[in-house]
Amino acid sequence: MSMGEIIVILIVAILVLGPDKLPDAIVQIAKIIKAIKRNINDAKAGIEKEIRIKELKDEAKKYQDEFSLSNENIRKKLSFEEFDDLKRDILDKTKVDLTFDSREKETPPQNPTEKANV
């Protein structure tokens, strides 16, 4: 609103309400505007609170999924450790090499001269 429009509205209000009722009307209008602003702010706060709750729920779900995955990985790791213990027991009893890791195996010499040097 421009300044001219405000002045026109004030002049019309003075003519319609009169100088006696105008101050009371302005106070009532100000109270109504204040109540409307308060309701709008409460609604905004409620919406922001709901958005924050949704974000917290999503974050909690993410952490729950990560925890479940970690728990599953720990269970798998424990299973592999148990398997390794069983393998170790078998190896100790049978003295058979069951490793599948190529790094642990020694490669035989390629030509007969290397065999003599070793």
Foldseek 3Di string as FASTA:
>chain_A
DDPVVVVVVVVVLCVVQNPVCVVVVVVVVVVVVVVVVVVVVVVVVVVVVVVVVVVVVVVVVVVVVVVVVVVVVVVVVVVVVVVVVVVVVVCVVPVDDPDPDPVVDDDDDDDPVVVVVD
